[in-house]
Amino acid sequence: MLKSEAANLHPALLNDCFFDPAVAKCLRGAPTTSATARTNRCEPFRCTNASSPPSTALWQDEHARVDELLKAARAMPQPSGWC
């Protein structure tokens, strides 16, 4: 039993996914041939595939890290007549 369950387990930093493509929120808008978990598009509070997320502190730390990265990012250059 564990062997079959582990085949569908996708561990991640903020949550784990027991991937079932029939109900996966991460596959919305993906090509119909796609049948793998897309952890970068995970909606852990909406998807039944996601396991219970870790502590709120981990989510808050990650949010703060992303905020800092966005503040440090340079602005994208404006297009200059090439389109």
N, C-alpha and C. Protein backbone atom coordinates (compact mmCIF):
# COMPACT_ATOMS: atom_id res chain seq x y z
N MET A 1 0.82 -1.19 0.00
CA MET A 1 0.00 0.00 0.00
C MET A 1 0.87 1.26 0.00
N LEU A 2 1.88 1.30 0.85
CA LEU A 2 2.75 2.48 0.90
C LEU A 2 3.48 2.70 -0.41
N LYS A 3 3.87 1.63 -1.06
CA LYS A 3 4.57 1.75 -2.33
C LYS A 3 3.69 2.45 -3.37
N SER A 4 2.42 2.11 -3.45
CA SER A 4 1.54 2.74 -4.43
C SER A 4 1.24 4.18 -4.06
N GLU A 5 1.11 4.47 -2.76
CA GLU A 5 0.86 5.85 -2.32
C GLU A 5 2.08 6.72 -2.58
N ALA A 6 3.27 6.21 -2.30
CA ALA A 6 4.49 6.99 -2.46
C ALA A 6 4.76 7.33 -3.92
N ALA A 7 4.24 6.54 -4.85
CA ALA A 7 4.43 6.84 -6.27
C ALA A 7 3.76 8.14 -6.66
N ASN A 8 2.73 8.53 -5.93
CA ASN A 8 2.01 9.75 -6.23
C ASN A 8 2.34 10.90 -5.30
N LEU A 9 3.29 10.71 -4.39
CA LEU A 9 3.64 11.75 -3.43
C LEU A 9 4.65 12.71 -4.05
N HIS A 10 4.33 14.01 -3.98
CA HIS A 10 5.22 15.06 -4.46
C HIS A 10 5.50 15.99 -3.28
N PRO A 11 6.62 15.76 -2.57
CA PRO A 11 6.93 16.62 -1.43
C PRO A 11 7.41 17.99 -1.90
N ALA A 12 7.06 19.01 -1.14
CA ALA A 12 7.48 20.37 -1.45
C ALA A 12 7.74 21.12 -0.16
N LEU A 13 8.24 22.34 -0.27
CA LEU A 13 8.58 23.13 0.91
C LEU A 13 7.35 23.51 1.73
N LEU A 14 6.32 24.00 1.08
CA LEU A 14 5.17 24.54 1.80
C LEU A 14 4.02 23.57 1.96
N ASN A 15 4.00 22.49 1.23
CA ASN A 15 2.98 21.44 1.38
C ASN A 15 3.40 20.23 0.57
N ASP A 16 2.75 19.12 0.80
CA ASP A 16 2.98 17.90 0.03
C ASP A 16 1.73 17.60 -0.79
N CYS A 17 1.93 16.90 -1.90
CA CYS A 17 0.81 16.60 -2.79
C CYS A 17 0.72 15.10 -3.03
N PHE A 18 -0.44 14.51 -2.73
CA PHE A 18 -0.73 13.13 -3.12
C PHE A 18 -1.52 13.22 -4.41
N PHE A 19 -0.80 13.30 -5.51
CA PHE A 19 -1.32 13.69 -6.81
C PHE A 19 -2.36 12.73 -7.36
N ASP A 20 -3.53 13.27 -7.66
CA ASP A 20 -4.60 12.57 -8.36
C ASP A 20 -5.05 13.52 -9.47
N PRO A 21 -4.69 13.25 -10.73
CA PRO A 21 -4.98 14.18 -11.82
C PRO A 21 -6.46 14.50 -12.00
N ALA A 22 -7.33 13.63 -11.56
CA ALA A 22 -8.77 13.87 -11.73
C ALA A 22 -9.27 15.08 -10.95
N VAL A 23 -8.61 15.41 -9.84
CA VAL A 23 -9.06 16.54 -9.01
C VAL A 23 -7.99 17.61 -8.83
N ALA A 24 -6.87 17.50 -9.52
CA ALA A 24 -5.75 18.41 -9.33
C ALA A 24 -6.06 19.82 -9.83
N LYS A 25 -5.97 20.80 -8.93
CA LYS A 25 -6.19 22.20 -9.29
C LYS A 25 -5.01 22.73 -10.12
N CYS A 26 -3.82 22.16 -9.93
CA CYS A 26 -2.64 22.65 -10.65
C CYS A 26 -2.70 22.36 -12.14
N LEU A 27 -3.59 21.46 -12.56
CA LEU A 27 -3.68 21.12 -13.98
C LEU A 27 -4.69 21.97 -14.74
N ARG A 28 -5.41 22.85 -14.04
CA ARG A 28 -6.37 23.70 -14.75
C ARG A 28 -5.63 24.54 -15.79
N GLY A 29 -6.06 24.49 -17.01
CA GLY A 29 -5.43 25.24 -18.09
C GLY A 29 -4.22 24.56 -18.70
N ALA A 30 -3.82 23.42 -18.16
CA ALA A 30 -2.68 22.69 -18.71
C ALA A 30 -3.15 21.84 -19.89
N PRO A 31 -2.24 21.47 -20.78
CA PRO A 31 -2.62 20.59 -21.90
C PRO A 31 -3.23 19.30 -21.37
N THR A 32 -4.18 18.75 -22.09
CA THR A 32 -4.88 17.55 -21.63
C THR A 32 -3.96 16.34 -21.53
N THR A 33 -2.83 16.37 -22.21
CA THR A 33 -1.90 15.24 -22.14
C THR A 33 -1.05 15.29 -20.87
N SER A 34 -1.09 16.41 -20.15
CA SER A 34 -0.29 16.54 -18.94
C SER A 34 -0.89 15.71 -17.82
N ALA A 35 -0.05 14.92 -17.16
CA ALA A 35 -0.55 14.10 -16.06
C ALA A 35 0.44 14.08 -14.90
N THR A 36 1.21 15.14 -14.75
CA THR A 36 2.14 15.22 -13.63
C THR A 36 1.80 16.44 -12.78
N ALA A 37 2.10 16.36 -11.52
CA ALA A 37 1.82 17.47 -10.60
C ALA A 37 2.66 18.68 -10.98
N ARG A 38 2.06 19.83 -10.90
CA ARG A 38 2.77 21.08 -11.16
C ARG A 38 2.83 21.85 -9.85
N THR A 39 3.86 21.53 -9.06
CA THR A 39 3.94 22.09 -7.71
C THR A 39 4.07 23.60 -7.70
N ASN A 40 4.54 24.20 -8.77
CA ASN A 40 4.62 25.66 -8.82
C ASN A 40 3.26 26.31 -9.04
N ARG A 41 2.23 25.54 -9.34
CA ARG A 41 0.87 26.07 -9.52
C ARG A 41 -0.07 25.53 -8.45
N CYS A 42 0.48 25.01 -7.38
CA CYS A 42 -0.32 24.37 -6.33
C CYS A 42 -1.21 25.38 -5.61
N GLU A 43 -2.42 24.94 -5.30
CA GLU A 43 -3.37 25.72 -4.51
C GLU A 43 -3.71 24.88 -3.27
N PRO A 44 -2.81 24.85 -2.28
CA PRO A 44 -2.96 23.90 -1.17
C PRO A 44 -4.21 24.08 -0.33
N PHE A 45 -4.79 25.26 -0.30
CA PHE A 45 -5.99 25.45 0.50
C PHE A 45 -7.26 25.15 -0.29
N ARG A 46 -7.13 24.89 -1.59
CA ARG A 46 -8.29 24.60 -2.44
C ARG A 46 -8.27 23.19 -3.02
N CYS A 47 -7.11 22.58 -3.08
CA CYS A 47 -6.97 21.29 -3.75
C CYS A 47 -6.98 20.15 -2.73
N THR A 48 -7.78 19.13 -3.03
CA THR A 48 -7.87 17.98 -2.13
C THR A 48 -6.63 17.09 -2.20
N ASN A 49 -5.77 17.29 -3.19
CA ASN A 49 -4.53 16.53 -3.28
C ASN A 49 -3.51 16.97 -2.24
N ALA A 50 -3.56 18.22 -1.82
CA ALA A 50 -2.56 18.77 -0.92
C ALA A 50 -2.77 18.25 0.49
N SER A 51 -1.65 17.91 1.12
CA SER A 51 -1.72 17.50 2.52
C SER A 51 -1.80 18.75 3.38
N SER A 52 -2.03 18.57 4.65
CA SER A 52 -2.11 19.72 5.55
C SER A 52 -0.83 20.52 5.47
N PRO A 53 -0.93 21.82 5.28
CA PRO A 53 0.28 22.64 5.20
C PRO A 53 0.96 22.73 6.55
N PRO A 54 2.27 22.97 6.54
CA PRO A 54 2.99 23.14 7.80
C PRO A 54 2.53 24.40 8.53
N SER A 55 3.24 24.76 9.54
CA SER A 55 2.84 25.87 10.39
C SER A 55 2.70 27.18 9.62
N THR A 56 1.87 28.05 10.14
CA THR A 56 1.66 29.36 9.55
C THR A 56 2.96 30.15 9.49
N ALA A 57 3.84 29.93 10.46
CA ALA A 57 5.11 30.65 10.50
C ALA A 57 5.94 30.38 9.25
N LEU A 58 5.93 29.16 8.75
CA LEU A 58 6.68 28.84 7.54
C LEU A 58 6.12 29.61 6.35
N TRP A 59 4.79 29.68 6.23
CA TRP A 59 4.16 30.44 5.16
C TRP A 59 4.50 31.91 5.27
N GLN A 60 4.47 32.46 6.49
CA GLN A 60 4.79 33.89 6.68
C GLN A 60 6.25 34.17 6.34
N ASP A 61 7.15 33.28 6.72
CA ASP A 61 8.57 33.45 6.38
C ASP A 61 8.77 33.44 4.86
N GLU A 62 8.09 32.53 4.17
CA GLU A 62 8.23 32.46 2.71
C GLU A 62 7.65 33.72 2.06
N HIS A 63 6.54 34.21 2.58
CA HIS A 63 5.94 35.44 2.06
C HIS A 63 6.91 36.62 2.23
N ALA A 64 7.54 36.72 3.38
CA ALA A 64 8.51 37.79 3.64
C ALA A 64 9.71 37.67 2.69
N ARG A 65 10.16 36.43 2.45
CA ARG A 65 11.30 36.22 1.54
C ARG A 65 10.95 36.66 0.13
N VAL A 66 9.77 36.33 -0.33
CA VAL A 66 9.35 36.72 -1.68
C VAL A 66 9.20 38.24 -1.76
N ASP A 67 8.64 38.86 -0.73
CA ASP A 67 8.54 40.33 -0.71
C ASP A 67 9.92 40.97 -0.85
N GLU A 68 10.91 40.46 -0.13
CA GLU A 68 12.26 41.00 -0.22
C GLU A 68 12.85 40.81 -1.61
N LEU A 69 12.61 39.67 -2.21
CA LEU A 69 13.10 39.42 -3.57
C LEU A 69 12.47 40.40 -4.56
N LEU A 70 11.18 40.65 -4.40
CA LEU A 70 10.50 41.58 -5.31
C LEU A 70 10.98 43.01 -5.12
N LYS A 71 11.28 43.40 -3.90
CA LYS A 71 11.79 44.75 -3.65
C LYS A 71 13.18 44.92 -4.26
N ALA A 72 13.97 43.85 -4.23
CA ALA A 72 15.34 43.92 -4.73
C ALA A 72 15.41 43.79 -6.25
N ALA A 73 14.36 43.31 -6.88
CA ALA A 73 14.37 43.09 -8.33
C ALA A 73 14.38 44.44 -9.06
N ARG A 74 15.18 44.48 -10.09
CA ARG A 74 15.20 45.69 -10.91
C ARG A 74 13.98 45.70 -11.83
N ALA A 75 13.54 46.88 -12.18
CA ALA A 75 12.38 47.01 -13.07
C ALA A 75 12.74 46.49 -14.46
N MET A 76 11.79 45.92 -15.12
CA MET A 76 12.00 45.44 -16.47
C MET A 76 12.11 46.63 -17.42
N PRO A 77 12.98 46.57 -18.40
CA PRO A 77 13.08 47.68 -19.36
C PRO A 77 11.81 47.77 -20.20
N GLN A 78 11.49 48.97 -20.60
CA GLN A 78 10.32 49.21 -21.45
C GLN A 78 10.65 48.79 -22.89
N PRO A 79 9.69 48.22 -23.62
CA PRO A 79 9.94 47.85 -25.02
C PRO A 79 10.24 49.11 -25.84
N SER A 80 11.12 48.98 -26.81
CA SER A 80 11.51 50.15 -27.58
C SER A 80 11.30 49.94 -29.08
N GLY A 81 10.07 49.94 -29.48
CA GLY A 81 9.73 49.90 -30.90
C GLY A 81 10.03 48.61 -31.62
N TRP A 82 10.39 47.54 -30.91
CA TRP A 82 10.70 46.30 -31.59
C TRP A 82 9.45 45.46 -31.84
N CYS A 83 8.33 45.90 -31.34
CA CYS A 83 7.13 45.10 -31.59
C CYS A 83 6.11 45.87 -32.37
